[in-house]
Amino acid sequence: MLSQKPSAKEQQKINQFVQLAFEYNKKHNLFVRESEEQIHTIDVKESLEILHFTKKAKTLLDIGTGAGFPGMIIGLMQPQTKVTLAESSKKKTYFLKKTIKQLNAKNIKIVNEYVTKKSNLGEFDLITARAFAATEKIINTCRPFLKPKGSYTLLKGKKVKILEELKTINKNTYNYEIIKLDDEEKERHILLITNKDIE
């Protein structure tokens, strides 16, 4: 599956974001990356591959966004989408708030919160997460935030682990599709989940 290629202007914003993340990471340990190139080849590349499934969303929630992947990349590439980043870490939230302002990304906002069913986040067309939690936990936690016709687009690892996680979700309620990502280093997939009632 081919990732969406950014325009020169979009690439400039992404480069700026990666540079800021790498510089901040040196002092505050946002994530384990040794170079800007590594952030581009791992985090940005994977975030770009999800865009094919996020284009139609007017509102999007990225739960447990960490250093901002994939939510920041989606927001920078899709200014028409209102992106909410949810993150419990104060240092990561501080970095993202500062960066959103520096990049003038008016369609992106950050919420410093450990998300539970009782969180007051609103409703979204699409919910995404990357290495946040098991599939069932994400669905159970985020159900109140998903619009009736909304869907989940989750970045996941090995297929065997995904299939194991899917055993616990209600197949009468949800449809799912597993899409393999083009990654030579490790096995990565996108897991799409939709509500059967909307078909």
N, C-alpha and C. Protein backbone atom coordinates (compact mmCIF):
# COMPACT_ATOMS: atom_id res chain seq x y z
N MET A 1 0.85 -1.18 0.00
CA MET A 1 0.00 0.00 0.00
C MET A 1 0.89 1.24 0.00
N LEU A 2 0.63 2.18 -0.90
CA LEU A 2 1.45 3.38 -1.00
C LEU A 2 0.96 4.46 -0.04
N SER A 3 1.92 5.11 0.63
CA SER A 3 1.55 6.22 1.51
C SER A 3 1.35 7.48 0.67
N GLN A 4 0.59 8.42 1.20
CA GLN A 4 0.33 9.66 0.48
C GLN A 4 1.58 10.52 0.49
N LYS A 5 1.93 11.05 -0.68
CA LYS A 5 3.15 11.87 -0.78
C LYS A 5 2.80 13.32 -0.45
N PRO A 6 3.47 13.91 0.52
CA PRO A 6 3.18 15.30 0.87
C PRO A 6 3.61 16.28 -0.23
N SER A 7 2.92 17.40 -0.34
CA SER A 7 3.34 18.47 -1.23
C SER A 7 4.57 19.14 -0.61
N ALA A 8 5.22 20.03 -1.35
CA ALA A 8 6.42 20.71 -0.84
C ALA A 8 6.10 21.47 0.45
N LYS A 9 4.94 22.13 0.48
CA LYS A 9 4.53 22.92 1.65
C LYS A 9 4.24 22.00 2.85
N GLU A 10 3.55 20.88 2.58
CA GLU A 10 3.25 19.91 3.64
C GLU A 10 4.54 19.28 4.18
N GLN A 11 5.45 18.96 3.27
CA GLN A 11 6.72 18.35 3.68
C GLN A 11 7.52 19.29 4.56
N GLN A 12 7.46 20.57 4.23
CA GLN A 12 8.16 21.59 5.02
C GLN A 12 7.64 21.61 6.47
N LYS A 13 6.31 21.53 6.60
CA LYS A 13 5.68 21.52 7.94
C LYS A 13 6.06 20.24 8.70
N ILE A 14 6.03 19.10 7.99
CA ILE A 14 6.40 17.83 8.61
C ILE A 14 7.86 17.87 9.07
N ASN A 15 8.75 18.38 8.20
CA ASN A 15 10.17 18.49 8.54
C ASN A 15 10.37 19.34 9.80
N GLN A 16 9.60 20.45 9.85
CA GLN A 16 9.68 21.36 10.99
C GLN A 16 9.22 20.65 12.27
N PHE A 17 8.14 19.90 12.15
CA PHE A 17 7.61 19.15 13.29
C PHE A 17 8.62 18.11 13.77
N VAL A 18 9.21 17.37 12.85
CA VAL A 18 10.21 16.34 13.19
C VAL A 18 11.43 16.98 13.87
N GLN A 19 11.86 18.10 13.34
CA GLN A 19 13.01 18.83 13.91
C GLN A 19 12.73 19.25 15.35
N LEU A 20 11.53 19.80 15.57
CA LEU A 20 11.13 20.24 16.90
C LEU A 20 11.04 19.04 17.86
N ALA A 21 10.46 17.95 17.38
CA ALA A 21 10.32 16.74 18.20
C ALA A 21 11.69 16.18 18.59
N PHE A 22 12.61 16.16 17.63
CA PHE A 22 13.94 15.60 17.89
C PHE A 22 14.72 16.46 18.88
N GLU A 23 14.64 17.78 18.71
CA GLU A 23 15.33 18.70 19.62
C GLU A 23 14.77 18.60 21.04
N TYR A 24 13.46 18.58 21.15
CA TYR A 24 12.81 18.49 22.46
C TYR A 24 13.10 17.13 23.11
N ASN A 25 13.21 16.11 22.27
CA ASN A 25 13.45 14.74 22.73
C ASN A 25 14.81 14.59 23.42
N LYS A 26 15.78 15.39 22.99
CA LYS A 26 17.13 15.32 23.57
C LYS A 26 17.12 15.60 25.07
N LYS A 27 16.26 16.53 25.47
CA LYS A 27 16.21 16.92 26.88
C LYS A 27 15.08 16.23 27.66
N HIS A 28 13.99 15.93 26.97
CA HIS A 28 12.79 15.51 27.69
C HIS A 28 12.32 14.08 27.41
N ASN A 29 13.05 13.37 26.55
CA ASN A 29 12.78 11.94 26.32
C ASN A 29 11.31 11.65 25.97
N LEU A 30 10.88 12.20 24.82
CA LEU A 30 9.51 11.96 24.33
C LEU A 30 9.36 10.52 23.86
N PHE A 31 10.36 10.06 23.11
CA PHE A 31 10.34 8.71 22.55
C PHE A 31 11.76 8.28 22.21
N VAL A 32 11.94 6.99 21.87
CA VAL A 32 13.29 6.47 21.63
C VAL A 32 13.63 6.58 20.15
N ARG A 33 14.32 7.66 19.78
CA ARG A 33 14.76 7.85 18.40
C ARG A 33 16.15 8.48 18.41
N GLU A 34 17.03 7.99 17.51
CA GLU A 34 18.42 8.45 17.51
C GLU A 34 18.70 9.56 16.52
N SER A 35 17.78 9.79 15.59
CA SER A 35 18.01 10.82 14.57
C SER A 35 16.68 11.29 13.98
N GLU A 36 16.72 12.44 13.32
CA GLU A 36 15.52 12.94 12.61
C GLU A 36 15.14 11.96 11.49
N GLU A 37 16.17 11.41 10.85
CA GLU A 37 15.92 10.44 9.77
C GLU A 37 15.12 9.24 10.28
N GLN A 38 15.46 8.78 11.47
CA GLN A 38 14.75 7.65 12.07
C GLN A 38 13.27 8.00 12.32
N ILE A 39 13.00 9.22 12.75
CA ILE A 39 11.61 9.66 12.97
C ILE A 39 10.86 9.66 11.65
N HIS A 40 11.53 10.12 10.59
CA HIS A 40 10.89 10.14 9.26
C HIS A 40 10.60 8.73 8.75
N THR A 41 11.58 7.82 8.89
CA THR A 41 11.43 6.49 8.30
C THR A 41 10.53 5.56 9.11
N ILE A 42 10.36 5.86 10.40
CA ILE A 42 9.49 5.01 11.24
C ILE A 42 8.15 5.70 11.50
N ASP A 43 8.18 6.83 12.17
CA ASP A 43 6.94 7.45 12.67
C ASP A 43 6.16 8.19 11.58
N VAL A 44 6.86 9.00 10.80
CA VAL A 44 6.18 9.77 9.74
C VAL A 44 5.68 8.84 8.65
N LYS A 45 6.52 7.90 8.24
CA LYS A 45 6.14 6.96 7.17
C LYS A 45 4.85 6.21 7.53
N GLU A 46 4.79 5.70 8.75
CA GLU A 46 3.62 4.95 9.19
C GLU A 46 2.38 5.85 9.28
N SER A 47 2.59 7.07 9.74
CA SER A 47 1.48 8.03 9.85
C SER A 47 0.93 8.40 8.48
N LEU A 48 1.80 8.52 7.49
CA LEU A 48 1.36 8.86 6.13
C LEU A 48 0.54 7.71 5.52
N GLU A 49 0.87 6.48 5.91
CA GLU A 49 0.17 5.32 5.35
C GLU A 49 -1.28 5.20 5.83
N ILE A 50 -1.60 5.88 6.91
CA ILE A 50 -2.95 5.81 7.46
C ILE A 50 -3.89 6.82 6.77
N LEU A 51 -3.29 7.79 6.06
CA LEU A 51 -4.07 8.91 5.50
C LEU A 51 -5.15 8.48 4.50
N HIS A 52 -4.90 7.39 3.81
CA HIS A 52 -5.87 6.88 2.84
C HIS A 52 -7.23 6.62 3.51
N PHE A 53 -7.19 6.32 4.81
CA PHE A 53 -8.41 5.95 5.54
C PHE A 53 -8.96 7.08 6.42
N THR A 54 -8.29 8.22 6.41
CA THR A 54 -8.71 9.32 7.29
C THR A 54 -9.24 10.53 6.53
N LYS A 55 -9.13 10.52 5.21
CA LYS A 55 -9.46 11.70 4.39
C LYS A 55 -10.89 12.22 4.58
N LYS A 56 -11.84 11.32 4.74
CA LYS A 56 -13.25 11.73 4.80
C LYS A 56 -13.69 12.22 6.18
N ALA A 57 -12.85 12.00 7.17
CA ALA A 57 -13.23 12.38 8.54
C ALA A 57 -13.20 13.89 8.72
N LYS A 58 -14.30 14.43 9.21
CA LYS A 58 -14.34 15.87 9.53
C LYS A 58 -13.77 16.10 10.93
N THR A 59 -13.96 15.10 11.81
CA THR A 59 -13.42 15.18 13.17
C THR A 59 -12.70 13.88 13.50
N LEU A 60 -11.55 14.00 14.15
CA LEU A 60 -10.73 12.81 14.43
C LEU A 60 -10.11 12.93 15.83
N LEU A 61 -10.12 11.81 16.55
CA LEU A 61 -9.49 11.73 17.86
C LEU A 61 -8.32 10.75 17.79
N ASP A 62 -7.13 11.22 18.17
CA ASP A 62 -5.96 10.35 18.26
C ASP A 62 -5.69 10.12 19.75
N ILE A 63 -6.00 8.92 20.21
CA ILE A 63 -5.95 8.62 21.64
C ILE A 63 -4.57 8.08 22.03
N GLY A 64 -3.99 8.65 23.08
CA GLY A 64 -2.64 8.27 23.50
C GLY A 64 -1.63 8.63 22.44
N THR A 65 -1.68 9.87 21.98
CA THR A 65 -0.91 10.30 20.80
C THR A 65 0.60 10.30 21.00
N GLY A 66 1.06 10.31 22.26
CA GLY A 66 2.50 10.29 22.52
C GLY A 66 3.17 11.57 22.02
N ALA A 67 4.14 11.43 21.14
CA ALA A 67 4.83 12.59 20.57
C ALA A 67 4.06 13.19 19.39
N GLY A 68 2.84 12.65 19.13
CA GLY A 68 2.00 13.23 18.08
C GLY A 68 1.85 12.39 16.82
N PHE A 69 2.10 11.09 16.95
CA PHE A 69 1.95 10.20 15.78
C PHE A 69 0.81 9.21 16.03
N PRO A 70 -0.13 9.10 15.11
CA PRO A 70 -0.18 9.73 13.79
C PRO A 70 -0.93 11.08 13.75
N GLY A 71 -1.51 11.52 14.89
CA GLY A 71 -2.42 12.67 14.88
C GLY A 71 -1.87 13.96 14.29
N MET A 72 -0.63 14.32 14.67
CA MET A 72 -0.04 15.57 14.15
C MET A 72 0.14 15.51 12.64
N ILE A 73 0.59 14.36 12.14
CA ILE A 73 0.81 14.22 10.69
C ILE A 73 -0.53 14.30 9.95
N ILE A 74 -1.54 13.64 10.48
CA ILE A 74 -2.88 13.71 9.87
C ILE A 74 -3.35 15.16 9.83
N GLY A 75 -3.21 15.86 10.95
CA GLY A 75 -3.63 17.25 11.03
C GLY A 75 -2.89 18.17 10.07
N LEU A 76 -1.58 17.97 9.94
CA LEU A 76 -0.78 18.79 9.03
C LEU A 76 -1.11 18.50 7.56
N MET A 77 -1.45 17.25 7.26
CA MET A 77 -1.78 16.85 5.89
C MET A 77 -3.24 17.10 5.53
N GLN A 78 -4.10 17.18 6.55
CA GLN A 78 -5.54 17.34 6.32
C GLN A 78 -6.08 18.55 7.10
N PRO A 79 -5.81 19.77 6.62
CA PRO A 79 -6.28 20.95 7.35
C PRO A 79 -7.80 21.03 7.45
N GLN A 80 -8.50 20.26 6.61
CA GLN A 80 -9.97 20.24 6.65
C GLN A 80 -10.52 19.40 7.78
N THR A 81 -9.66 18.60 8.42
CA THR A 81 -10.08 17.72 9.53
C THR A 81 -9.73 18.36 10.86
N LYS A 82 -10.71 18.41 11.76
CA LYS A 82 -10.46 18.89 13.12
C LYS A 82 -9.90 17.73 13.94
N VAL A 83 -8.65 17.83 14.32
CA VAL A 83 -7.95 16.74 15.00
C VAL A 83 -7.78 17.07 16.49
N THR A 84 -8.20 16.13 17.34
CA THR A 84 -7.98 16.25 18.78
C THR A 84 -6.97 15.19 19.20
N LEU A 85 -5.89 15.62 19.82
CA LEU A 85 -4.88 14.71 20.33
C LEU A 85 -5.11 14.55 21.84
N ALA A 86 -5.20 13.32 22.31
CA ALA A 86 -5.37 13.06 23.74
C ALA A 86 -4.11 12.38 24.28
N GLU A 87 -3.53 12.96 25.32
CA GLU A 87 -2.28 12.43 25.87
C GLU A 87 -2.22 12.71 27.38
N SER A 88 -1.88 11.69 28.17
CA SER A 88 -1.86 11.83 29.63
C SER A 88 -0.55 12.42 30.16
N SER A 89 0.53 12.30 29.38
CA SER A 89 1.84 12.80 29.82
C SER A 89 1.90 14.32 29.70
N LYS A 90 2.24 14.98 30.79
CA LYS A 90 2.29 16.45 30.79
C LYS A 90 3.41 16.98 29.89
N LYS A 91 4.56 16.30 29.90
CA LYS A 91 5.68 16.81 29.09
C LYS A 91 5.39 16.65 27.59
N LYS A 92 4.72 15.57 27.22
CA LYS A 92 4.35 15.38 25.81
C LYS A 92 3.27 16.38 25.40
N THR A 93 2.31 16.61 26.30
CA THR A 93 1.24 17.58 26.04
C THR A 93 1.82 18.98 25.88
N TYR A 94 2.77 19.33 26.75
CA TYR A 94 3.41 20.65 26.69
C TYR A 94 4.12 20.82 25.35
N PHE A 95 4.88 19.80 24.94
CA PHE A 95 5.58 19.85 23.65
C PHE A 95 4.59 20.04 22.50
N LEU A 96 3.51 19.27 22.49
CA LEU A 96 2.54 19.33 21.40
C LEU A 96 1.81 20.67 21.36
N LYS A 97 1.46 21.19 22.50
CA LYS A 97 0.76 22.48 22.57
C LYS A 97 1.65 23.59 21.99
N LYS A 98 2.91 23.57 22.40
CA LYS A 98 3.90 24.54 21.92
C LYS A 98 4.13 24.40 20.40
N THR A 99 4.22 23.16 19.95
CA THR A 99 4.48 22.88 18.54
C THR A 99 3.29 23.26 17.65
N ILE A 100 2.08 22.95 18.10
CA ILE A 100 0.87 23.32 17.35
C ILE A 100 0.85 24.83 17.11
N LYS A 101 1.22 25.58 18.14
CA LYS A 101 1.26 27.04 18.05
C LYS A 101 2.34 27.49 17.06
N GLN A 102 3.53 26.90 17.17
CA GLN A 102 4.65 27.26 16.28
C GLN A 102 4.34 26.96 14.82
N LEU A 103 3.63 25.87 14.57
CA LEU A 103 3.29 25.47 13.20
C LEU A 103 2.00 26.13 12.71
N ASN A 104 1.34 26.89 13.60
CA ASN A 104 0.08 27.56 13.28
C ASN A 104 -0.96 26.55 12.74
N ALA A 105 -1.00 25.38 13.39
CA ALA A 105 -1.91 24.30 12.97
C ALA A 105 -3.25 24.48 13.70
N LYS A 106 -4.09 25.35 13.16
CA LYS A 106 -5.33 25.76 13.85
C LYS A 106 -6.39 24.66 13.90
N ASN A 107 -6.22 23.61 13.11
CA ASN A 107 -7.19 22.50 13.11
C ASN A 107 -6.85 21.42 14.13
N ILE A 108 -5.73 21.59 14.86
CA ILE A 108 -5.28 20.58 15.82
C ILE A 108 -5.34 21.14 17.24
N LYS A 109 -5.87 20.34 18.17
CA LYS A 109 -5.81 20.73 19.59
C LYS A 109 -5.38 19.53 20.42
N ILE A 110 -4.82 19.84 21.59
CA ILE A 110 -4.31 18.79 22.46
C ILE A 110 -5.05 18.82 23.80
N VAL A 111 -5.40 17.63 24.29
CA VAL A 111 -6.07 17.50 25.59
C VAL A 111 -5.17 16.67 26.50
N ASN A 112 -4.78 17.27 27.64
CA ASN A 112 -3.93 16.57 28.60
C ASN A 112 -4.83 15.77 29.55
N GLU A 113 -5.06 14.50 29.17
CA GLU A 113 -6.00 13.69 29.95
C GLU A 113 -5.75 12.20 29.73
N TYR A 114 -5.87 11.44 30.81
CA TYR A 114 -5.89 9.99 30.68
C TYR A 114 -7.33 9.62 30.33
N VAL A 115 -7.54 9.14 29.12
CA VAL A 115 -8.89 8.96 28.60
C VAL A 115 -9.60 7.77 29.25
N THR A 116 -10.80 8.03 29.75
CA THR A 116 -11.68 6.98 30.27
C THR A 116 -13.06 7.18 29.63
N LYS A 117 -13.97 6.25 29.88
CA LYS A 117 -15.33 6.36 29.34
C LYS A 117 -16.01 7.65 29.76
N LYS A 118 -15.60 8.17 30.92
CA LYS A 118 -16.25 9.36 31.47
C LYS A 118 -15.61 10.67 30.99
N SER A 119 -14.57 10.58 30.18
CA SER A 119 -13.93 11.79 29.66
C SER A 119 -14.93 12.59 28.82
N ASN A 120 -14.79 13.89 28.85
CA ASN A 120 -15.69 14.77 28.10
C ASN A 120 -14.97 15.29 26.86
N LEU A 121 -14.87 14.46 25.85
CA LEU A 121 -14.10 14.81 24.66
C LEU A 121 -14.96 15.18 23.45
N GLY A 122 -16.25 14.85 23.50
CA GLY A 122 -17.12 15.08 22.34
C GLY A 122 -17.23 13.82 21.51
N GLU A 123 -17.79 13.96 20.30
CA GLU A 123 -17.96 12.81 19.38
C GLU A 123 -17.16 13.03 18.10
N PHE A 124 -16.68 11.92 17.55
CA PHE A 124 -15.78 12.00 16.40
C PHE A 124 -16.20 11.04 15.28
N ASP A 125 -15.83 11.43 14.06
CA ASP A 125 -16.08 10.55 12.90
C ASP A 125 -15.12 9.37 12.91
N LEU A 126 -13.90 9.62 13.41
CA LEU A 126 -12.88 8.58 13.35
C LEU A 126 -12.00 8.65 14.59
N ILE A 127 -11.68 7.48 15.13
CA ILE A 127 -10.76 7.40 16.27
C ILE A 127 -9.56 6.56 15.85
N THR A 128 -8.38 7.09 16.13
CA THR A 128 -7.16 6.37 15.78
C THR A 128 -6.27 6.23 17.02
N ALA A 129 -5.41 5.23 16.99
CA ALA A 129 -4.46 5.00 18.08
C ALA A 129 -3.29 4.20 17.54
N ARG A 130 -2.14 4.41 18.16
CA ARG A 130 -0.93 3.68 17.75
C ARG A 130 -0.24 3.19 19.02
N ALA A 131 -0.14 1.90 19.16
CA ALA A 131 0.52 1.30 20.34
C ALA A 131 -0.05 1.84 21.64
N PHE A 132 -1.35 2.01 21.69
CA PHE A 132 -1.98 2.57 22.90
C PHE A 132 -2.48 1.48 23.84
N ALA A 133 -3.26 0.55 23.32
CA ALA A 133 -3.84 -0.51 24.16
C ALA A 133 -4.38 -1.61 23.27
N ALA A 134 -4.84 -2.70 23.89
CA ALA A 134 -5.47 -3.79 23.15
C ALA A 134 -6.75 -3.28 22.49
N THR A 135 -7.14 -3.91 21.39
CA THR A 135 -8.29 -3.48 20.59
C THR A 135 -9.57 -3.37 21.42
N GLU A 136 -9.85 -4.38 22.21
CA GLU A 136 -11.08 -4.37 23.01
C GLU A 136 -11.10 -3.18 23.98
N LYS A 137 -9.96 -2.89 24.59
CA LYS A 137 -9.88 -1.78 25.53
C LYS A 137 -10.14 -0.45 24.82
N ILE A 138 -9.57 -0.29 23.64
CA ILE A 138 -9.78 0.94 22.86
C ILE A 138 -11.26 1.12 22.55
N ILE A 139 -11.90 0.05 22.07
CA ILE A 139 -13.33 0.11 21.71
C ILE A 139 -14.19 0.43 22.94
N ASN A 140 -13.92 -0.26 24.03
CA ASN A 140 -14.71 -0.06 25.25
C ASN A 140 -14.53 1.35 25.82
N THR A 141 -13.30 1.83 25.79
CA THR A 141 -13.01 3.17 26.32
C THR A 141 -13.59 4.26 25.44
N CYS A 142 -13.48 4.07 24.14
CA CYS A 142 -13.81 5.16 23.20
C CYS A 142 -15.23 5.13 22.65
N ARG A 143 -16.00 4.11 22.99
CA ARG A 143 -17.37 4.00 22.48
C ARG A 143 -18.18 5.30 22.65
N PRO A 144 -18.10 5.98 23.82
CA PRO A 144 -18.89 7.21 24.00
C PRO A 144 -18.46 8.36 23.08
N PHE A 145 -17.25 8.27 22.51
CA PHE A 145 -16.73 9.37 21.69
C PHE A 145 -16.91 9.15 20.20
N LEU A 146 -17.43 7.98 19.82
CA LEU A 146 -17.56 7.66 18.39
C LEU A 146 -18.97 7.96 17.90
N LYS A 147 -19.07 8.71 16.82
CA LYS A 147 -20.37 8.99 16.22
C LYS A 147 -20.99 7.68 15.73
N PRO A 148 -22.34 7.61 15.61
CA PRO A 148 -23.00 6.37 15.20
C PRO A 148 -22.43 5.76 13.91
N LYS A 149 -22.02 6.61 12.97
CA LYS A 149 -21.45 6.10 11.72
C LYS A 149 -19.92 6.19 11.70
N GLY A 150 -19.34 6.36 12.88
CA GLY A 150 -17.89 6.50 12.97
C GLY A 150 -17.15 5.18 12.87
N SER A 151 -15.83 5.26 12.83
CA SER A 151 -15.02 4.04 12.71
C SER A 151 -13.68 4.21 13.42
N TYR A 152 -13.00 3.08 13.62
CA TYR A 152 -11.67 3.05 14.23
C TYR A 152 -10.64 2.72 13.15
N THR A 153 -9.52 3.43 13.16
CA THR A 153 -8.39 3.12 12.28
C THR A 153 -7.16 3.02 13.18
N LEU A 154 -6.75 1.80 13.47
CA LEU A 154 -5.72 1.57 14.48
C LEU A 154 -4.43 1.06 13.86
N LEU A 155 -3.30 1.63 14.28
CA LEU A 155 -2.00 1.15 13.83
C LEU A 155 -1.54 0.05 14.78
N LYS A 156 -1.27 -1.12 14.21
CA LYS A 156 -0.97 -2.31 15.01
C LYS A 156 0.28 -3.02 14.49
N GLY A 157 0.72 -4.01 15.26
CA GLY A 157 1.91 -4.78 14.91
C GLY A 157 1.61 -6.08 14.19
N LYS A 158 2.00 -7.20 14.78
CA LYS A 158 1.92 -8.50 14.12
C LYS A 158 0.47 -8.98 13.96
N LYS A 159 0.21 -9.63 12.83
CA LYS A 159 -1.14 -10.10 12.52
C LYS A 159 -1.64 -11.12 13.54
N VAL A 160 -0.76 -11.99 13.98
CA VAL A 160 -1.15 -13.03 14.94
C VAL A 160 -1.66 -12.40 16.24
N LYS A 161 -1.02 -11.31 16.65
CA LYS A 161 -1.44 -10.59 17.87
C LYS A 161 -2.78 -9.89 17.65
N ILE A 162 -2.97 -9.32 16.47
CA ILE A 162 -4.23 -8.64 16.13
C ILE A 162 -5.38 -9.65 16.17
N LEU A 163 -5.18 -10.81 15.54
CA LEU A 163 -6.21 -11.85 15.52
C LEU A 163 -6.55 -12.33 16.92
N GLU A 164 -5.53 -12.40 17.77
CA GLU A 164 -5.73 -12.78 19.17
C GLU A 164 -6.62 -11.74 19.87
N GLU A 165 -6.31 -10.47 19.64
CA GLU A 165 -7.09 -9.38 20.25
C GLU A 165 -8.53 -9.36 19.73
N LEU A 166 -8.70 -9.68 18.46
CA LEU A 166 -10.04 -9.63 17.85
C LEU A 166 -10.98 -10.71 18.37
N LYS A 167 -10.42 -11.74 18.99
CA LYS A 167 -11.26 -12.81 19.55
C LYS A 167 -12.21 -12.28 20.61
N THR A 168 -11.82 -11.19 21.26
CA THR A 168 -12.62 -10.68 22.38
C THR A 168 -13.63 -9.60 21.98
N ILE A 169 -13.62 -9.18 20.70
CA ILE A 169 -14.62 -8.16 20.32
C ILE A 169 -15.88 -8.85 19.77
N ASN A 170 -16.98 -8.16 19.87
CA ASN A 170 -18.28 -8.72 19.45
C ASN A 170 -18.42 -8.68 17.93
N LYS A 171 -18.34 -9.85 17.29
CA LYS A 171 -18.40 -9.92 15.82
C LYS A 171 -19.81 -9.62 15.28
N ASN A 172 -20.81 -9.69 16.16
CA ASN A 172 -22.17 -9.32 15.74
C ASN A 172 -22.35 -7.81 15.65
N THR A 173 -21.47 -7.10 16.32
CA THR A 173 -21.56 -5.64 16.36
C THR A 173 -20.59 -4.98 15.38
N TYR A 174 -19.40 -5.60 15.22
CA TYR A 174 -18.34 -4.93 14.44
C TYR A 174 -17.86 -5.74 13.25
N ASN A 175 -17.53 -5.01 12.18
CA ASN A 175 -16.78 -5.56 11.05
C ASN A 175 -15.34 -5.11 11.20
N TYR A 176 -14.41 -5.93 10.71
CA TYR A 176 -13.02 -5.48 10.74
C TYR A 176 -12.29 -5.88 9.47
N GLU A 177 -11.22 -5.15 9.19
CA GLU A 177 -10.34 -5.45 8.05
C GLU A 177 -8.91 -5.20 8.48
N ILE A 178 -8.01 -6.12 8.15
CA ILE A 178 -6.60 -5.97 8.50
C ILE A 178 -5.81 -5.70 7.21
N ILE A 179 -5.06 -4.61 7.21
CA ILE A 179 -4.30 -4.22 6.02
C ILE A 179 -2.81 -4.20 6.35
N LYS A 180 -2.02 -4.95 5.60
CA LYS A 180 -0.57 -5.03 5.85
C LYS A 180 0.13 -3.79 5.32
N LEU A 181 1.01 -3.23 6.14
CA LEU A 181 1.79 -2.07 5.72
C LEU A 181 3.10 -2.54 5.08
N ASP A 182 3.60 -1.70 4.19
CA ASP A 182 4.84 -1.99 3.49
C ASP A 182 6.02 -1.59 4.39
N ASP A 183 6.48 -2.52 5.21
CA ASP A 183 7.56 -2.24 6.14
C ASP A 183 8.52 -3.41 6.15
N GLU A 184 9.75 -3.14 5.69
CA GLU A 184 10.75 -4.21 5.60
C GLU A 184 11.36 -4.55 6.96
N GLU A 185 11.34 -3.59 7.87
CA GLU A 185 11.98 -3.76 9.18
C GLU A 185 11.17 -4.67 10.11
N LYS A 186 9.85 -4.41 10.18
CA LYS A 186 9.01 -5.18 11.10
C LYS A 186 7.60 -5.29 10.56
N GLU A 187 6.85 -6.21 11.13
CA GLU A 187 5.48 -6.47 10.67
C GLU A 187 4.51 -5.45 11.27
N ARG A 188 3.89 -4.65 10.40
CA ARG A 188 2.95 -3.62 10.84
C ARG A 188 1.66 -3.70 10.03
N HIS A 189 0.54 -3.40 10.69
CA HIS A 189 -0.77 -3.46 10.02
C HIS A 189 -1.65 -2.29 10.43
N ILE A 190 -2.64 -2.01 9.59
CA ILE A 190 -3.72 -1.10 9.96
C ILE A 190 -4.94 -1.96 10.22
N LEU A 191 -5.62 -1.71 11.32
CA LEU A 191 -6.84 -2.44 11.66
C LEU A 191 -8.01 -1.46 11.55
N LEU A 192 -8.91 -1.75 10.61
CA LEU A 192 -10.11 -0.92 10.42
C LEU A 192 -11.29 -1.60 11.09
N ILE A 193 -12.02 -0.86 11.90
CA ILE A 193 -13.19 -1.43 12.59
C ILE A 193 -14.39 -0.51 12.36
N THR A 194 -15.48 -1.08 11.88
CA THR A 194 -16.72 -0.31 11.66
C THR A 194 -17.89 -1.01 12.34
N ASN A 195 -18.92 -0.25 12.60
CA ASN A 195 -20.13 -0.78 13.23
C ASN A 195 -21.01 -1.41 12.18
N LYS A 196 -21.44 -2.64 12.37
CA LYS A 196 -22.27 -3.36 11.37
C LYS A 196 -23.60 -2.65 11.14
N ASP A 197 -24.09 -1.96 12.12
CA ASP A 197 -25.41 -1.31 12.01
C ASP A 197 -25.46 -0.23 10.93
N ILE A 198 -24.30 0.30 10.55
CA ILE A 198 -24.32 1.44 9.61
C ILE A 198 -24.36 0.99 8.16
N GLU A 199 -24.23 -0.30 7.90
CA GLU A 199 -24.18 -0.77 6.51
C GLU A 199 -25.56 -0.92 5.90
